[in-house]
Amino acid sequence: MDYFLEGLRQALHIFVPPSRELLSIVGLSLLVSGAATLLAAAIGAPLGLWLSVAEFRGRRFLIWLVQTALSIPAVLIGLVVYILVSRRGLLGFMGLLFTPGAMILAQALLATPIIAALTLAALKGQAREARDLAYSLGASRGRMLGTIVRQGRFAFLTAMITGFSRVIGETGMTLMVGGNIKGATRVMTTAISLETMKGNFEIGLALGIVLLVVALLVNAVLQACQGK
């Protein structure tokens, strides 16, 4: 217990003032996971909305694919992205391997089915009701979709926050495609893993505290929005 408290005391000293390296790691973590979440939301939210209102052959199969994608291991996504962006891969010409771009791509692939599935689950009932009501009143398809989006805005927010919370805590996949390069691709989770293995528990604890604070703030935002 004393060992842990001493490490915690040293970790708190890192925050006052925060080191440049700590700020760089935290900033890159937020940038990568934030960009990945926005990219995933741009794909997953419309997909979930479309599946919640559309009627077509194969819809149940697509829903099954989205739900099945939730169980794909993150490390497998990392492996696929690594192969794609490696020198001999399909996207090798872009030079993304061991860059923040590869990390964003991998995290976006992880978050997309999460956002799509949560959006679909939240809108499945009310979207159809809103669609039928809008059509019965003679509303256009565009106005009908706009109504559903306004009614489901908190569902979209919940899906995005859940996706962000999932990817910002991911370690193995991010390490695989990013390489944990100091000053370039080192984020909070990979830094915690590295520093703990090196015996630098105070740095690992400091980053762990930041990661916990970020998670608490994200959930506080969600609760505040739901309360309104």
C-alpha atoms as a PDB file:
ATOM      1  CA  MET A   1       0.000   0.000   0.000  1.00  0.00           C
ATOM      2  CA  ASP A   2       2.841   2.381   0.870  1.00  0.00           C
ATOM      3  CA  TYR A   3       4.435   1.605  -2.485  1.00  0.00           C
ATOM      4  CA  PHE A   4       1.241   2.568  -4.279  1.00  0.00           C
ATOM      5  CA  LEU A   5       0.792   5.782  -2.271  1.00  0.00           C
ATOM      6  CA  GLU A   6       4.380   6.822  -2.973  1.00  0.00           C
ATOM      7  CA  GLY A   7       3.860   6.236  -6.665  1.00  0.00           C
ATOM      8  CA  LEU A   8       0.620   8.249  -6.509  1.00  0.00           C
ATOM      9  CA  ARG A   9       2.402  11.113  -4.732  1.00  0.00           C
ATOM     10  CA  GLN A  10       5.082  11.221  -7.407  1.00  0.00           C
ATOM     11  CA  ALA A  11       2.421  11.035 -10.111  1.00  0.00           C
ATOM     12  CA  LEU A  12       0.668  14.117  -8.716  1.00  0.00           C
ATOM     13  CA  HIS A  13       3.959  16.047  -8.826  1.00  0.00           C
ATOM     14  CA  ILE A  14       4.071  15.507 -12.592  1.00  0.00           C
ATOM     15  CA  PHE A  15       0.907  17.595 -12.940  1.00  0.00           C
ATOM     16  CA  VAL A  16       2.379  20.649 -11.173  1.00  0.00           C
ATOM     17  CA  PRO A  17       3.455  21.870 -13.588  1.00  0.00           C
ATOM     18  CA  PRO A  18       2.559  19.275 -16.255  1.00  0.00           C
ATOM     19  CA  SER A  19       5.544  18.189 -18.314  1.00  0.00           C
ATOM     20  CA  ARG A  20       5.700  18.854 -22.047  1.00  0.00           C
ATOM     21  CA  GLU A  21       5.811  15.113 -22.703  1.00  0.00           C
ATOM     22  CA  LEU A  22       2.669  14.540 -20.636  1.00  0.00           C
ATOM     23  CA  LEU A  23       0.791  17.283 -22.472  1.00  0.00           C
ATOM     24  CA  SER A  24       1.919  15.864 -25.818  1.00  0.00           C
ATOM     25  CA  ILE A  25       0.718  12.370 -24.949  1.00  0.00           C
ATOM     26  CA  VAL A  26      -2.647  13.554 -23.640  1.00  0.00           C
ATOM     27  CA  GLY A  27      -3.172  15.913 -26.571  1.00  0.00           C
ATOM     28  CA  LEU A  28      -2.396  13.248 -29.159  1.00  0.00           C
ATOM     29  CA  SER A  29      -4.711  10.784 -27.406  1.00  0.00           C
ATOM     30  CA  LEU A  30      -7.614  13.224 -27.551  1.00  0.00           C
ATOM     31  CA  LEU A  31      -6.828  14.197 -31.143  1.00  0.00           C
ATOM     32  CA  VAL A  32      -6.606  10.628 -32.454  1.00  0.00           C
ATOM     33  CA  SER A  33      -9.629   9.276 -30.589  1.00  0.00           C
ATOM     34  CA  GLY A  34     -11.682  12.401 -31.282  1.00  0.00           C
ATOM     35  CA  ALA A  35     -10.961  12.287 -35.010  1.00  0.00           C
ATOM     36  CA  ALA A  36     -11.645   8.541 -35.124  1.00  0.00           C
ATOM     37  CA  THR A  37     -14.981   9.033 -33.335  1.00  0.00           C
ATOM     38  CA  LEU A  38     -16.071  11.780 -35.729  1.00  0.00           C
ATOM     39  CA  LEU A  39     -15.122   9.633 -38.726  1.00  0.00           C
ATOM     40  CA  ALA A  40     -16.963   6.655 -37.258  1.00  0.00           C
ATOM     41  CA  ALA A  41     -20.012   8.811 -36.488  1.00  0.00           C
ATOM     42  CA  ALA A  42     -20.081  10.121 -40.065  1.00  0.00           C
ATOM     43  CA  ILE A  43     -20.477   6.508 -41.228  1.00  0.00           C
ATOM     44  CA  GLY A  44     -22.148   4.714 -38.330  1.00  0.00           C
ATOM     45  CA  ALA A  45     -24.876   7.229 -37.431  1.00  0.00           C
ATOM     46  CA  PRO A  46     -26.331   7.495 -40.981  1.00  0.00           C
ATOM     47  CA  LEU A  47     -26.054   3.714 -41.324  1.00  0.00           C
ATOM     48  CA  GLY A  48     -27.981   3.152 -38.079  1.00  0.00           C
ATOM     49  CA  LEU A  49     -30.573   5.757 -39.087  1.00  0.00           C
ATOM     50  CA  TRP A  50     -31.016   4.201 -42.533  1.00  0.00           C
ATOM     51  CA  LEU A  51     -31.437   0.696 -41.103  1.00  0.00           C
ATOM     52  CA  SER A  52     -33.996   1.983 -38.605  1.00  0.00           C
ATOM     53  CA  VAL A  53     -36.359   3.421 -41.251  1.00  0.00           C
ATOM     54  CA  ALA A  54     -35.643   1.579 -44.502  1.00  0.00           C
ATOM     55  CA  GLU A  55     -37.537  -1.479 -45.720  1.00  0.00           C
ATOM     56  CA  PHE A  56     -35.686  -3.644 -48.238  1.00  0.00           C
ATOM     57  CA  ARG A  57     -34.639  -7.207 -48.878  1.00  0.00           C
ATOM     58  CA  GLY A  58     -31.491  -8.042 -46.969  1.00  0.00           C
ATOM     59  CA  ARG A  59     -32.114  -5.526 -44.181  1.00  0.00           C
ATOM     60  CA  ARG A  60     -32.067  -8.187 -41.468  1.00  0.00           C
ATOM     61  CA  PHE A  61     -28.792  -9.542 -42.877  1.00  0.00           C
ATOM     62  CA  LEU A  62     -27.185  -6.082 -42.749  1.00  0.00           C
ATOM     63  CA  ILE A  63     -28.368  -5.609 -39.178  1.00  0.00           C
ATOM     64  CA  TRP A  64     -26.850  -8.982 -38.333  1.00  0.00           C
ATOM     65  CA  LEU A  65     -23.549  -7.894 -39.896  1.00  0.00           C
ATOM     66  CA  VAL A  66     -23.475  -4.679 -37.861  1.00  0.00           C
ATOM     67  CA  GLN A  67     -24.241  -6.525 -34.637  1.00  0.00           C
ATOM     68  CA  THR A  68     -21.715  -9.241 -35.417  1.00  0.00           C
ATOM     69  CA  ALA A  69     -19.043  -6.606 -36.039  1.00  0.00           C
ATOM     70  CA  LEU A  70     -19.360  -5.601 -32.379  1.00  0.00           C
ATOM     71  CA  SER A  71     -17.689  -8.850 -31.359  1.00  0.00           C
ATOM     72  CA  ILE A  72     -14.666  -8.539 -33.670  1.00  0.00           C
ATOM     73  CA  PRO A  73     -11.524  -8.377 -31.484  1.00  0.00           C
ATOM     74  CA  ALA A  74      -9.774  -5.015 -31.629  1.00  0.00           C
ATOM     75  CA  VAL A  75      -6.414  -6.710 -32.211  1.00  0.00           C
ATOM     76  CA  LEU A  76      -7.834  -8.335 -35.360  1.00  0.00           C
ATOM     77  CA  ILE A  77      -8.873  -4.903 -36.648  1.00  0.00           C
ATOM     78  CA  GLY A  78      -5.356  -3.718 -35.881  1.00  0.00           C
ATOM     79  CA  LEU A  79      -3.898  -6.611 -37.862  1.00  0.00           C
ATOM     80  CA  VAL A  80      -6.104  -5.864 -40.882  1.00  0.00           C
ATOM     81  CA  VAL A  81      -5.201  -2.164 -40.805  1.00  0.00           C
ATOM     82  CA  TYR A  82      -1.514  -3.036 -40.407  1.00  0.00           C
ATOM     83  CA  ILE A  83      -1.666  -5.205 -43.529  1.00  0.00           C
ATOM     84  CA  LEU A  84      -3.547  -2.521 -45.457  1.00  0.00           C
ATOM     85  CA  VAL A  85      -1.136   0.319 -44.643  1.00  0.00           C
ATOM     86  CA  SER A  86       2.118  -1.676 -44.684  1.00  0.00           C
ATOM     87  CA  ARG A  87       4.530  -1.090 -47.548  1.00  0.00           C
ATOM     88  CA  ARG A  88       3.121  -3.983 -49.589  1.00  0.00           C
ATOM     89  CA  GLY A  89      -0.484  -3.344 -48.556  1.00  0.00           C
ATOM     90  CA  LEU A  90      -3.326  -1.856 -50.555  1.00  0.00           C
ATOM     91  CA  LEU A  91      -2.820   1.560 -48.911  1.00  0.00           C
ATOM     92  CA  GLY A  92       0.941   1.266 -48.573  1.00  0.00           C
ATOM     93  CA  PHE A  93       1.539   4.135 -50.993  1.00  0.00           C
ATOM     94  CA  MET A  94       0.029   6.537 -48.432  1.00  0.00           C
ATOM     95  CA  GLY A  95       2.774   5.886 -45.885  1.00  0.00           C
ATOM     96  CA  LEU A  96       0.345   5.646 -42.952  1.00  0.00           C
ATOM     97  CA  LEU A  97       2.027   2.872 -40.966  1.00  0.00           C
ATOM     98  CA  PHE A  98       3.245   4.076 -37.551  1.00  0.00           C
ATOM     99  CA  THR A  99       1.528   7.441 -37.938  1.00  0.00           C
ATOM    100  CA  PRO A 100      -1.499   8.989 -36.221  1.00  0.00           C
ATOM    101  CA  GLY A 101      -3.410   8.430 -39.482  1.00  0.00           C
ATOM    102  CA  ALA A 102      -3.168   4.649 -39.107  1.00  0.00           C
ATOM    103  CA  MET A 103      -4.308   4.915 -35.488  1.00  0.00           C
ATOM    104  CA  ILE A 104      -7.311   7.026 -36.502  1.00  0.00           C
ATOM    105  CA  LEU A 105      -8.245   4.538 -39.229  1.00  0.00           C
ATOM    106  CA  ALA A 106      -8.046   1.543 -36.868  1.00  0.00           C
ATOM    107  CA  GLN A 107      -9.989   3.254 -34.093  1.00  0.00           C
ATOM    108  CA  ALA A 108     -12.638   4.451 -36.555  1.00  0.00           C
ATOM    109  CA  LEU A 109     -13.163   0.884 -37.777  1.00  0.00           C
ATOM    110  CA  LEU A 110     -13.593  -0.215 -34.167  1.00  0.00           C
ATOM    111  CA  ALA A 111     -16.059   2.548 -33.288  1.00  0.00           C
ATOM    112  CA  THR A 112     -18.211   2.487 -36.440  1.00  0.00           C
ATOM    113  CA  PRO A 113     -20.243  -0.673 -35.640  1.00  0.00           C
ATOM    114  CA  ILE A 114     -20.666   0.512 -32.044  1.00  0.00           C
ATOM    115  CA  ILE A 115     -22.174   3.818 -33.147  1.00  0.00           C
ATOM    116  CA  ALA A 116     -24.279   2.168 -35.860  1.00  0.00           C
ATOM    117  CA  ALA A 117     -25.662  -0.505 -33.534  1.00  0.00           C
ATOM    118  CA  LEU A 118     -26.477   1.932 -30.721  1.00  0.00           C
ATOM    119  CA  THR A 119     -28.132   4.356 -33.140  1.00  0.00           C
ATOM    120  CA  LEU A 120     -30.210   1.559 -34.618  1.00  0.00           C
ATOM    121  CA  ALA A 121     -31.242   0.244 -31.199  1.00  0.00           C
ATOM    122  CA  ALA A 122     -32.237   3.720 -29.992  1.00  0.00           C
ATOM    123  CA  LEU A 123     -34.174   4.737 -33.098  1.00  0.00           C
ATOM    124  CA  LYS A 124     -35.676   1.436 -34.195  1.00  0.00           C
ATOM    125  CA  GLY A 125     -39.074   2.049 -32.601  1.00  0.00           C
ATOM    126  CA  GLN A 126     -39.492   5.819 -32.726  1.00  0.00           C
ATOM    127  CA  ALA A 127     -38.043   6.164 -36.237  1.00  0.00           C
ATOM    128  CA  ARG A 128     -40.761   4.009 -37.763  1.00  0.00           C
ATOM    129  CA  GLU A 129     -43.470   5.824 -35.815  1.00  0.00           C
ATOM    130  CA  ALA A 130     -42.120   9.196 -36.950  1.00  0.00           C
ATOM    131  CA  ARG A 131     -41.869   7.934 -40.545  1.00  0.00           C
ATOM    132  CA  ASP A 132     -45.464   6.706 -40.625  1.00  0.00           C
ATOM    133  CA  LEU A 133     -46.768   9.888 -38.984  1.00  0.00           C
ATOM    134  CA  ALA A 134     -44.790  12.145 -41.334  1.00  0.00           C
ATOM    135  CA  TYR A 135     -45.993  10.315 -44.435  1.00  0.00           C
ATOM    136  CA  SER A 136     -49.591  10.368 -43.199  1.00  0.00           C
ATOM    137  CA  LEU A 137     -49.335  14.157 -42.887  1.00  0.00           C
ATOM    138  CA  GLY A 138     -47.892  14.459 -46.365  1.00  0.00           C
ATOM    139  CA  ALA A 139     -44.357  15.397 -45.302  1.00  0.00           C
ATOM    140  CA  SER A 140     -41.469  14.897 -47.703  1.00  0.00           C
ATOM    141  CA  ARG A 141     -38.785  12.287 -47.103  1.00  0.00           C
ATOM    142  CA  GLY A 142     -36.258  15.003 -46.264  1.00  0.00           C
ATOM    143  CA  ARG A 143     -38.522  16.551 -43.631  1.00  0.00           C
ATOM    144  CA  MET A 144     -39.294  13.122 -42.225  1.00  0.00           C
ATOM    145  CA  LEU A 145     -35.587  12.343 -41.823  1.00  0.00           C
ATOM    146  CA  GLY A 146     -34.998  15.761 -40.268  1.00  0.00           C
ATOM    147  CA  THR A 147     -37.675  15.051 -37.666  1.00  0.00           C
ATOM    148  CA  ILE A 148     -36.132  11.703 -36.788  1.00  0.00           C
ATOM    149  CA  VAL A 149     -32.669  13.265 -36.470  1.00  0.00           C
ATOM    150  CA  ARG A 150     -33.977  15.955 -34.108  1.00  0.00           C
ATOM    151  CA  GLN A 151     -35.788  13.402 -31.981  1.00  0.00           C
ATOM    152  CA  GLY A 152     -32.795  11.097 -31.895  1.00  0.00           C
ATOM    153  CA  ARG A 153     -30.058  13.680 -31.272  1.00  0.00           C
ATOM    154  CA  PHE A 154     -29.408  12.401 -27.752  1.00  0.00           C
ATOM    155  CA  ALA A 155     -29.221   8.849 -29.076  1.00  0.00           C
ATOM    156  CA  PHE A 156     -26.568  10.009 -31.551  1.00  0.00           C
ATOM    157  CA  LEU A 157     -24.670  11.728 -28.736  1.00  0.00           C
ATOM    158  CA  THR A 158     -24.811   8.633 -26.557  1.00  0.00           C
ATOM    159  CA  ALA A 159     -23.533   6.478 -29.413  1.00  0.00           C
ATOM    160  CA  MET A 160     -20.655   8.880 -30.118  1.00  0.00           C
ATOM    161  CA  ILE A 161     -19.607   9.113 -26.476  1.00  0.00           C
ATOM    162  CA  THR A 162     -19.721   5.337 -26.126  1.00  0.00           C
ATOM    163  CA  GLY A 163     -17.591   4.959 -29.238  1.00  0.00           C
ATOM    164  CA  PHE A 164     -15.100   7.552 -27.980  1.00  0.00           C
ATOM    165  CA  SER A 165     -14.875   5.869 -24.572  1.00  0.00           C
ATOM    166  CA  ARG A 166     -14.163   2.542 -26.261  1.00  0.00           C
ATOM    167  CA  VAL A 167     -11.391   3.712 -28.571  1.00  0.00           C
ATOM    168  CA  ILE A 168      -9.546   6.039 -26.196  1.00  0.00           C
ATOM    169  CA  GLY A 169      -8.962   3.093 -23.865  1.00  0.00           C
ATOM    170  CA  GLU A 170      -7.718   0.736 -26.589  1.00  0.00           C
ATOM    171  CA  THR A 171      -4.087  -0.404 -26.253  1.00  0.00           C
ATOM    172  CA  GLY A 172      -3.106  -3.417 -28.365  1.00  0.00           C
ATOM    173  CA  MET A 173      -4.566  -2.271 -31.671  1.00  0.00           C
ATOM    174  CA  THR A 174      -3.230   1.264 -31.255  1.00  0.00           C
ATOM    175  CA  LEU A 175       0.224  -0.051 -30.387  1.00  0.00           C
ATOM    176  CA  MET A 176       0.224  -2.371 -33.402  1.00  0.00           C
ATOM    177  CA  VAL A 177      -0.464   0.282 -36.035  1.00  0.00           C
ATOM    178  CA  GLY A 178       1.066   3.282 -34.242  1.00  0.00           C
ATOM    179  CA  GLY A 179       4.270   1.810 -32.891  1.00  0.00           C
ATOM    180  CA  ASN A 180       4.251   3.880 -29.669  1.00  0.00           C
ATOM    181  CA  ILE A 181       6.887   6.257 -31.049  1.00  0.00           C
ATOM    182  CA  LYS A 182       7.859   8.981 -28.594  1.00  0.00           C
ATOM    183  CA  GLY A 183       6.702  12.403 -29.753  1.00  0.00           C
ATOM    184  CA  ALA A 184       4.894  10.953 -32.760  1.00  0.00           C
ATOM    185  CA  THR A 185       2.404   8.176 -31.961  1.00  0.00           C
ATOM    186  CA  ARG A 186       2.622   7.695 -28.190  1.00  0.00           C
ATOM    187  CA  VAL A 187      -0.820   7.994 -26.574  1.00  0.00           C
ATOM    188  CA  MET A 188      -2.005   7.490 -23.004  1.00  0.00           C
ATOM    189  CA  THR A 189      -2.774   3.771 -23.130  1.00  0.00           C
ATOM    190  CA  THR A 190       0.442   2.761 -24.899  1.00  0.00           C
ATOM    191  CA  ALA A 191       2.487   5.062 -22.660  1.00  0.00           C
ATOM    192  CA  ILE A 192       0.936   3.535 -19.523  1.00  0.00           C
ATOM    193  CA  SER A 193       1.833   0.057 -20.765  1.00  0.00           C
ATOM    194  CA  LEU A 194       5.393   1.062 -21.658  1.00  0.00           C
ATOM    195  CA  GLU A 195       6.162   3.031 -18.504  1.00  0.00           C
ATOM    196  CA  THR A 196       4.736   0.310 -16.260  1.00  0.00           C
ATOM    197  CA  MET A 197       6.949  -2.313 -17.906  1.00  0.00           C
ATOM    198  CA  LYS A 198       9.941   0.024 -17.452  1.00  0.00           C
ATOM    199  CA  GLY A 199       9.141   0.457 -13.754  1.00  0.00           C
ATOM    200  CA  ASN A 200       8.170   4.132 -14.065  1.00  0.00           C
ATOM    201  CA  PHE A 201       4.976   3.691 -12.086  1.00  0.00           C
ATOM    202  CA  GLU A 202       4.565   7.389 -11.311  1.00  0.00           C
ATOM    203  CA  ILE A 203       4.250   8.267 -15.009  1.00  0.00           C
ATOM    204  CA  GLY A 204       1.908   5.349 -15.554  1.00  0.00           C
ATOM    205  CA  LEU A 205      -0.247   6.469 -12.631  1.00  0.00           C
ATOM    206  CA  ALA A 206      -0.272  10.073 -13.842  1.00  0.00           C
ATOM    207  CA  LEU A 207      -1.501   9.033 -17.273  1.00  0.00           C
ATOM    208  CA  GLY A 208      -3.963   6.624 -15.690  1.00  0.00           C
ATOM    209  CA  ILE A 209      -5.414   9.490 -13.651  1.00  0.00           C
ATOM    210  CA  VAL A 210      -5.790  11.609 -16.783  1.00  0.00           C
ATOM    211  CA  LEU A 211      -7.477   8.724 -18.599  1.00  0.00           C
ATOM    212  CA  LEU A 212      -9.873   8.263 -15.682  1.00  0.00           C
ATOM    213  CA  VAL A 213     -10.658  11.996 -15.574  1.00  0.00           C
ATOM    214  CA  VAL A 214     -11.379  12.001 -19.315  1.00  0.00           C
ATOM    215  CA  ALA A 215     -13.759   9.046 -18.902  1.00  0.00           C
ATOM    216  CA  LEU A 216     -15.541  10.768 -16.012  1.00  0.00           C
ATOM    217  CA  LEU A 217     -15.896  14.025 -17.953  1.00  0.00           C
ATOM    218  CA  VAL A 218     -17.270  12.230 -20.991  1.00  0.00           C
ATOM    219  CA  ASN A 219     -19.882  10.465 -18.879  1.00  0.00           C
ATOM    220  CA  ALA A 220     -20.705  13.706 -17.058  1.00  0.00           C
ATOM    221  CA  VAL A 221     -21.436  15.366 -20.410  1.00  0.00           C
ATOM    222  CA  LEU A 222     -23.683  12.452 -21.350  1.00  0.00           C
ATOM    223  CA  GLN A 223     -25.597  12.620 -18.072  1.00  0.00           C
ATOM    224  CA  ALA A 224     -26.013  16.382 -18.363  1.00  0.00           C
ATOM    225  CA  CYS A 225     -27.416  16.106 -21.878  1.00  0.00           C
ATOM    226  CA  GLN A 226     -29.769  13.314 -20.892  1.00  0.00           C
ATOM    227  CA  GLY A 227     -30.930  15.342 -17.904  1.00  0.00           C
ATOM    228  CA  LYS A 228     -31.959  18.202 -20.189  1.00  0.00           C
END
